Amino acid sequence: MSNRIPSLDGLRAVSIVAVILGHVAACRALPFSPRVLDFLARIPTLGVRVFFVLSGFLITTLILEERERTGRFSLSNFYMRRAWRILPPAYALLFCLLVANLLQLISISPVDYFRGFTYFMNYGPVPAWYAGHLWSLSVEEQFYLIWPFLLAFLPTRTCRSIALSFIVVSAGLRYHMVAQLPVDEWRLEYQFQYAGTAIAFGCLLAIDRKWLYAQPWFHTICASPITLVAACAVLLANTKLRGSGAFGACAGDIVANFCILVLVAKFTCQPVGFVAKILNSRPLVAVGLISYSLYLWQQEFANPDVHNWSSRFPYNLLMIVACSLGSYFLVEKPTLRIRKSLAVASPRRKPYEAAARA
């Protein structure tokens, strides 16, 4: 594998822009027509799905490459890297929210703080808006607690079967919930047994990546502009499919994840063409690098129930960018340097590719 996975940061940039635009649109804070705002308000979940597929793909790729390169996979090293990458920025956000809560600027319950610190925000009652987006971090952390252990102790073929089985079982659970109306939207969209299917698709892509990328027919599909147009069109139309009963909800979930998988495979396997150049351009790579901080802070200034200056365009976007840059330069970069120094100091750990900045 090269030092950098092509298009990875660009895809992250597109995902976080979709999340931010959707949440800002939900506040009616953009100068667009109500119809456009309603459309944009539906895309944040799609952006998070892309993050999930990318996460499953990247983490599985890195684990398999470490096994291939060293003959083993160190769980302790993995969790050290993940902890230094994920925890400091998230805990810095929670600390700032706690201070704002004490100053009575916002209102968050102690239960929500506990769920945020322990990464179980996606279970229990619907959280306060300011901390609600931590549900996606909870899904990823729960994935980290399960999948690396499977890859460390089980054959790759068995892990593939487990990922496929998880997708099938999740579809059955989703069908059952939608069939038993009324639907609990919070559980259906955000709990691991439902949302985790997107990560499973990314894991499957990583497991079969080398075989898939070696197939001439796959490169033909990737080179065709029809692939990009069709995948994007299906994703944009997918909202109606998912709202058309129990079968539509199951099919819509699988179709959305598969289309994202196709796009990830296309742009990481064959990063050529106009769109690929944009994804790998410096501006999008820069946005992708700070996408984690952007995600953490975007929801604090896009609350549809708050109508002060902080939720009005363009002040909300300026505050999102300012706080995200502060988080990146004051928290993310210093902790990443600490993680890198620990990796160099360890005699049993070899330097990881730049892609490990997942």
Protein backbone atom coordinates (compact mmCIF):
# COMPACT_ATOMS: atom_id res chain seq x y z
CA MET A 1 0.00 0.00 0.00
CA SER A 2 1.19 3.50 -0.78
CA ASN A 3 1.85 6.09 1.82
CA ARG A 4 -1.62 7.50 1.35
CA ILE A 5 -4.91 5.96 0.28
CA PRO A 6 -6.04 7.91 -2.81
CA SER A 7 -9.18 10.05 -2.43
CA LEU A 8 -9.56 9.15 1.27
CA ASP A 9 -9.35 12.71 2.61
CA GLY A 10 -11.39 14.03 -0.32
CA LEU A 11 -14.22 11.61 0.44
CA ARG A 12 -14.07 12.66 4.08
CA ALA A 13 -14.31 16.29 2.99
CA VAL A 14 -17.41 15.61 0.89
CA SER A 15 -18.95 13.72 3.81
CA ILE A 16 -18.40 16.44 6.38
CA VAL A 17 -19.63 19.14 3.99
CA ALA A 18 -22.83 17.11 3.54
CA VAL A 19 -23.27 16.86 7.31
CA ILE A 20 -22.67 20.57 7.89
CA LEU A 21 -24.89 21.72 5.01
CA GLY A 22 -27.66 19.41 6.17
CA HIS A 23 -27.62 20.61 9.76
CA VAL A 24 -27.31 24.27 8.81
CA ALA A 25 -30.18 23.82 6.34
CA ALA A 26 -32.31 22.29 9.08
CA CYS A 27 -31.93 25.59 10.94
CA ARG A 28 -33.28 27.39 7.86
CA ALA A 29 -29.99 29.27 8.02
CA LEU A 30 -29.08 29.10 4.32
CA PRO A 31 -30.41 31.49 1.63
CA PHE A 32 -32.17 28.74 -0.35
CA SER A 33 -35.77 27.88 -1.12
CA PRO A 34 -37.72 25.72 1.39
CA ARG A 35 -37.65 22.81 -1.06
CA VAL A 36 -33.85 22.91 -1.34
CA LEU A 37 -33.51 23.28 2.43
CA ASP A 38 -35.74 20.24 3.00
CA PHE A 39 -33.57 18.22 0.62
CA LEU A 40 -30.32 19.31 2.27
CA ALA A 41 -31.73 18.57 5.73
CA ARG A 42 -31.95 14.88 4.75
CA ILE A 43 -28.30 14.40 3.78
CA PRO A 44 -26.39 14.46 7.14
CA THR A 45 -27.11 10.77 7.76
CA LEU A 46 -25.80 10.00 4.26
CA GLY A 47 -22.57 11.84 5.07
CA VAL A 48 -22.14 9.83 8.27
CA ARG A 49 -22.71 6.62 6.29
CA VAL A 50 -19.77 7.52 4.07
CA PHE A 51 -17.65 8.04 7.19
CA PHE A 52 -18.69 4.61 8.44
CA VAL A 53 -17.85 2.81 5.19
CA LEU A 54 -14.49 4.61 5.06
CA SER A 55 -13.80 3.69 8.69
CA GLY A 56 -14.49 -0.01 8.16
CA PHE A 57 -12.42 0.00 4.97
CA LEU A 58 -9.44 1.85 6.44
CA ILE A 59 -9.24 0.10 9.80
CA THR A 60 -9.56 -3.35 8.23
CA THR A 61 -6.96 -2.48 5.57
CA LEU A 62 -4.47 -1.29 8.18
CA ILE A 63 -4.98 -4.37 10.37
CA LEU A 64 -4.59 -6.79 7.46
CA GLU A 65 -1.47 -4.98 6.22
CA GLU A 66 0.08 -5.09 9.69
CA ARG A 67 -0.56 -8.83 9.83
CA GLU A 68 0.93 -9.29 6.37
CA ARG A 69 3.94 -7.10 7.09
CA THR A 70 4.83 -8.33 10.60
CA GLY A 71 3.08 -11.69 10.84
CA ARG A 72 0.98 -10.50 13.78
CA PHE A 73 -1.49 -7.85 14.86
CA SER A 74 -0.99 -6.00 18.14
CA LEU A 75 -4.27 -5.16 19.83
CA SER A 76 -2.52 -3.03 22.44
CA ASN A 77 -0.82 -0.91 19.76
CA PHE A 78 -4.09 -0.58 17.88
CA TYR A 79 -5.99 0.66 20.91
CA MET A 80 -3.19 3.03 21.83
CA ARG A 81 -3.34 4.59 18.37
CA ARG A 82 -7.13 4.81 18.40
CA ALA A 83 -7.23 6.31 21.89
CA TRP A 84 -4.76 9.08 21.04
CA ARG A 85 -6.62 9.77 17.79
CA ILE A 86 -10.24 9.75 18.99
CA LEU A 87 -10.43 10.56 22.70
CA PRO A 88 -8.61 13.92 23.19
CA PRO A 89 -10.68 16.01 20.70
CA ALA A 90 -13.95 14.42 21.81
CA TYR A 91 -13.21 14.88 25.50
CA ALA A 92 -12.11 18.47 24.84
CA LEU A 93 -15.52 19.09 23.28
CA LEU A 94 -17.31 17.51 26.25
CA PHE A 95 -15.27 19.67 28.62
CA CYS A 96 -16.29 22.81 26.72
CA LEU A 97 -19.92 21.69 26.79
CA LEU A 98 -19.66 21.13 30.53
CA VAL A 99 -18.34 24.67 31.03
CA ALA A 100 -21.12 26.08 28.85
CA ASN A 101 -23.64 24.06 30.83
CA LEU A 102 -22.32 25.39 34.14
CA LEU A 103 -22.60 28.91 32.74
CA GLN A 104 -26.22 28.09 31.79
CA LEU A 105 -25.55 28.78 28.12
CA ILE A 106 -26.82 25.32 27.15
CA SER A 107 -28.61 22.47 28.88
CA ILE A 108 -27.25 18.90 28.87
CA SER A 109 -28.19 16.24 31.42
CA PRO A 110 -25.55 14.40 33.51
CA VAL A 111 -26.72 11.18 31.85
CA ASP A 112 -25.79 12.56 28.42
CA TYR A 113 -22.32 13.50 29.67
CA PHE A 114 -21.85 9.98 31.04
CA ARG A 115 -22.99 8.43 27.76
CA GLY A 116 -20.67 10.75 25.85
CA PHE A 117 -17.61 9.93 27.97
CA THR A 118 -18.31 6.17 27.83
CA TYR A 119 -19.29 6.10 24.13
CA PHE A 120 -22.82 4.79 24.61
CA MET A 121 -24.60 7.88 23.29
CA ASN A 122 -26.45 5.75 20.72
CA TYR A 123 -28.29 3.81 23.45
CA GLY A 124 -30.86 5.13 25.87
CA PRO A 125 -33.17 8.14 25.41
CA VAL A 126 -32.69 10.74 22.71
CA PRO A 127 -29.83 13.00 23.93
CA ALA A 128 -29.59 16.78 23.98
CA TRP A 129 -28.86 18.28 20.57
CA TYR A 130 -25.42 19.60 21.51
CA ALA A 131 -24.12 16.12 22.34
CA GLY A 132 -26.40 14.03 20.13
CA HIS A 133 -23.95 13.76 17.23
CA LEU A 134 -21.62 11.74 19.46
CA TRP A 135 -23.82 8.76 18.59
CA SER A 136 -21.66 8.15 15.51
CA LEU A 137 -18.47 8.11 17.59
CA SER A 138 -20.18 5.59 19.87
CA VAL A 139 -20.96 3.34 16.90
CA GLU A 140 -17.33 3.48 15.78
CA GLU A 141 -15.97 2.79 19.27
CA GLN A 142 -18.28 -0.21 19.59
CA PHE A 143 -16.95 -1.40 16.24
CA TYR A 144 -13.38 -1.03 17.58
CA LEU A 145 -14.25 -3.19 20.58
CA ILE A 146 -15.41 -6.08 18.38
CA TRP A 147 -13.83 -6.19 14.92
CA PRO A 148 -10.08 -5.98 15.78
CA PHE A 149 -10.46 -8.92 18.18
CA LEU A 150 -12.05 -10.98 15.41
CA LEU A 151 -9.26 -10.15 12.95
CA ALA A 152 -6.62 -10.83 15.62
CA PHE A 153 -7.81 -14.34 16.50
CA LEU A 154 -9.87 -15.63 13.56
CA PRO A 155 -9.02 -16.38 9.91
CA THR A 156 -9.86 -13.62 7.46
CA ARG A 157 -12.32 -15.92 5.71
CA THR A 158 -14.24 -16.39 8.95
CA CYS A 159 -14.28 -12.63 9.56
CA ARG A 160 -15.74 -12.12 6.09
CA SER A 161 -18.55 -14.54 6.94
CA ILE A 162 -19.20 -12.74 10.23
CA ALA A 163 -19.45 -9.35 8.48
CA LEU A 164 -21.88 -10.77 5.92
CA SER A 165 -23.93 -12.43 8.65
CA PHE A 166 -24.10 -9.17 10.57
CA ILE A 167 -25.52 -7.38 7.50
CA VAL A 168 -28.17 -10.08 7.04
CA VAL A 169 -29.15 -10.17 10.72
CA SER A 170 -29.28 -6.37 10.86
CA ALA A 171 -31.59 -6.31 7.84
CA GLY A 172 -33.88 -8.79 9.60
CA LEU A 173 -33.95 -6.67 12.75
CA ARG A 174 -34.67 -3.55 10.71
CA TYR A 175 -37.52 -5.29 8.88
CA HIS A 176 -39.03 -6.45 12.16
CA MET A 177 -38.87 -2.96 13.72
CA VAL A 178 -40.42 -1.20 10.72
CA ALA A 179 -43.11 -3.86 10.41
CA GLN A 180 -44.00 -3.38 14.09
CA LEU A 181 -45.24 0.21 13.85
CA PRO A 182 -44.73 2.78 15.25
CA VAL A 183 -41.04 2.90 14.35
CA ASP A 184 -38.48 4.03 16.92
CA GLU A 185 -36.45 6.28 14.61
CA TRP A 186 -33.72 6.88 17.20
CA ARG A 187 -32.98 3.16 17.58
CA LEU A 188 -33.40 2.42 13.88
CA GLU A 189 -30.91 5.01 12.67
CA TYR A 190 -28.34 5.25 15.46
CA GLN A 191 -27.91 2.01 17.42
CA PHE A 192 -25.01 -0.22 16.48
CA GLN A 193 -27.05 -3.23 15.37
CA TYR A 194 -28.57 -1.04 12.63
CA ALA A 195 -26.04 1.70 11.83
CA GLY A 196 -23.08 -0.70 11.98
CA THR A 197 -23.98 -2.29 8.65
CA ALA A 198 -22.27 0.57 6.80
CA ILE A 199 -19.02 -0.21 8.63
CA ALA A 200 -19.43 -3.90 7.77
CA PHE A 201 -19.62 -3.03 4.07
CA GLY A 202 -16.33 -1.15 4.38
CA CYS A 203 -14.76 -4.14 6.14
CA LEU A 204 -15.82 -6.46 3.32
CA LEU A 205 -14.32 -4.12 0.73
CA ALA A 206 -10.99 -4.12 2.59
CA ILE A 207 -10.93 -7.92 2.93
CA ASP A 208 -11.47 -8.48 -0.80
CA ARG A 209 -9.70 -5.33 -1.97
CA LYS A 210 -6.62 -6.97 -3.51
CA TRP A 211 -8.65 -9.57 -5.39
CA LEU A 212 -11.17 -6.99 -6.55
CA TYR A 213 -8.58 -4.49 -7.70
CA ALA A 214 -6.86 -7.22 -9.76
CA GLN A 215 -9.98 -7.90 -11.86
CA PRO A 216 -10.03 -6.26 -15.33
CA TRP A 217 -13.84 -5.97 -15.27
CA PHE A 218 -13.64 -3.98 -12.03
CA HIS A 219 -11.28 -1.43 -13.58
CA THR A 220 -13.66 -1.15 -16.52
CA ILE A 221 -16.52 -0.36 -14.15
CA CYS A 222 -14.40 2.15 -12.24
CA ALA A 223 -13.35 3.93 -15.44
CA SER A 224 -16.94 4.37 -16.61
CA PRO A 225 -18.59 7.71 -15.74
CA ILE A 226 -21.90 5.84 -15.63
CA THR A 227 -20.79 4.22 -12.37
CA LEU A 228 -20.42 7.58 -10.65
CA VAL A 229 -23.67 9.01 -12.03
CA ALA A 230 -25.70 5.88 -11.24
CA ALA A 231 -24.35 5.50 -7.69
CA CYS A 232 -24.96 9.16 -6.84
CA ALA A 233 -28.44 9.12 -8.40
CA VAL A 234 -29.45 6.03 -6.40
CA LEU A 235 -28.10 7.56 -3.20
CA LEU A 236 -30.06 10.78 -3.70
CA ALA A 237 -33.26 8.86 -4.50
CA ASN A 238 -32.75 6.43 -1.66
CA THR A 239 -34.76 8.42 0.90
CA LYS A 240 -38.04 7.54 -0.79
CA LEU A 241 -37.13 3.85 -0.98
CA ARG A 242 -36.26 3.71 2.71
CA GLY A 243 -39.60 5.30 3.60
CA SER A 244 -41.71 2.78 1.68
CA GLY A 245 -42.45 0.17 4.32
CA ALA A 246 -40.47 -2.61 5.99
CA PHE A 247 -39.00 -4.07 2.80
CA GLY A 248 -38.12 -0.62 1.48
CA ALA A 249 -36.34 0.24 4.73
CA CYS A 250 -34.20 -2.92 4.53
CA ALA A 251 -33.52 -2.61 0.81
CA GLY A 252 -32.83 1.10 1.09
CA ASP A 253 -30.25 0.55 3.82
CA ILE A 254 -28.41 -2.12 1.82
CA VAL A 255 -28.59 -0.18 -1.45
CA ALA A 256 -27.23 3.01 0.17
CA ASN A 257 -24.30 1.19 1.76
CA PHE A 258 -23.53 -0.68 -1.45
CA CYS A 259 -23.52 2.51 -3.53
CA ILE A 260 -21.12 4.16 -1.08
CA LEU A 261 -18.93 1.05 -1.20
CA VAL A 262 -18.85 1.29 -5.02
CA LEU A 263 -17.79 4.94 -4.84
CA VAL A 264 -15.10 4.25 -2.25
CA ALA A 265 -13.79 1.34 -4.31
CA LYS A 266 -13.85 3.42 -7.49
CA PHE A 267 -11.90 6.38 -6.17
CA THR A 268 -9.40 4.45 -4.05
CA CYS A 269 -8.68 1.88 -6.77
CA GLN A 270 -8.56 4.12 -9.84
CA PRO A 271 -8.12 7.77 -8.77
CA VAL A 272 -8.24 9.21 -12.29
CA GLY A 273 -10.60 11.59 -13.99
CA PHE A 274 -12.01 15.01 -13.18
CA VAL A 275 -13.86 14.02 -9.98
CA ALA A 276 -10.86 12.09 -8.66
CA LYS A 277 -8.64 15.12 -9.26
CA ILE A 278 -11.04 17.22 -7.21
CA LEU A 279 -11.10 14.65 -4.39
CA ASN A 280 -7.31 14.61 -4.30
CA SER A 281 -6.92 18.38 -4.61
CA ARG A 282 -5.26 20.34 -1.83
CA PRO A 283 -8.40 22.18 -0.65
CA LEU A 284 -10.43 18.98 -0.20
CA VAL A 285 -7.50 17.12 1.34
CA ALA A 286 -7.13 19.99 3.83
CA VAL A 287 -10.83 19.82 4.72
CA GLY A 288 -10.58 16.04 5.04
CA LEU A 289 -7.67 16.34 7.47
CA ILE A 290 -9.74 18.45 9.87
CA SER A 291 -13.00 16.58 9.21
CA TYR A 292 -13.00 15.00 12.67
CA SER A 293 -12.86 18.38 14.43
CA LEU A 294 -15.40 19.78 11.97
CA TYR A 295 -17.78 16.97 12.82
CA LEU A 296 -17.32 17.45 16.55
CA TRP A 297 -18.08 21.18 16.45
CA GLN A 298 -20.59 21.59 13.61
CA GLN A 299 -23.63 20.61 15.64
CA GLU A 300 -22.94 23.18 18.36
CA PHE A 301 -23.78 25.99 15.92
CA ALA A 302 -26.55 24.31 13.95
CA ASN A 303 -29.32 23.84 16.52
CA PRO A 304 -32.75 24.20 14.81
CA ASP A 305 -34.35 25.08 18.17
CA VAL A 306 -32.04 28.05 18.81
CA HIS A 307 -32.65 31.33 16.98
CA ASN A 308 -29.82 33.59 18.10
CA TRP A 309 -26.82 34.85 16.11
CA SER A 310 -24.81 31.65 16.62
CA SER A 311 -27.28 29.66 14.50
CA ARG A 312 -27.66 32.26 11.75
CA PHE A 313 -25.83 32.17 8.44
CA PRO A 314 -22.96 33.02 7.94
CA TYR A 315 -22.01 33.40 11.60
CA ASN A 316 -22.70 29.73 12.31
CA LEU A 317 -20.33 28.60 9.55
CA LEU A 318 -17.64 31.00 10.76
CA MET A 319 -17.96 29.67 14.31
CA ILE A 320 -17.85 26.06 13.12
CA VAL A 321 -14.66 26.70 11.15
CA ALA A 322 -13.02 28.72 13.93
CA CYS A 323 -13.74 26.16 16.68
CA SER A 324 -12.75 23.27 14.42
CA LEU A 325 -9.42 24.86 13.56
CA GLY A 326 -8.84 25.52 17.25
CA SER A 327 -9.60 21.88 18.04
CA TYR A 328 -7.32 20.65 15.25
CA PHE A 329 -4.29 22.81 16.05
CA LEU A 330 -4.61 22.89 19.85
CA VAL A 331 -5.76 19.31 20.50
CA GLU A 332 -5.55 17.01 17.46
CA LYS A 333 -2.09 17.87 16.16
CA PRO A 334 -0.35 17.86 19.57
CA THR A 335 -1.88 14.50 20.53
CA LEU A 336 -1.01 13.05 17.11
CA ARG A 337 2.60 14.11 17.67
CA ILE A 338 2.52 12.34 21.05
CA ARG A 339 1.11 9.23 19.39
CA LYS A 340 3.81 9.34 16.74
CA SER A 341 6.57 9.70 19.35
CA LEU A 342 5.19 6.72 21.26
CA ALA A 343 5.12 4.68 18.06
CA VAL A 344 8.76 5.54 17.32
CA ALA A 345 9.77 4.77 20.90
CA SER A 346 8.20 1.31 20.81
CA PRO A 347 10.74 -1.33 19.66
CA ARG A 348 7.96 -3.68 18.58
CA ARG A 349 6.04 -1.21 16.43
CA LYS A 350 6.94 -0.21 12.91
CA PRO A 351 6.03 3.22 11.53
CA TYR A 352 2.52 3.33 10.13
CA GLU A 353 1.51 4.89 6.85
CA ALA A 354 0.09 8.37 6.78
CA ALA A 355 -3.30 6.76 6.25
CA ALA A 356 -3.29 5.79 9.91
CA ARG A 357 -4.55 9.29 10.61
CA ALA A 358 -8.00 7.83 10.27
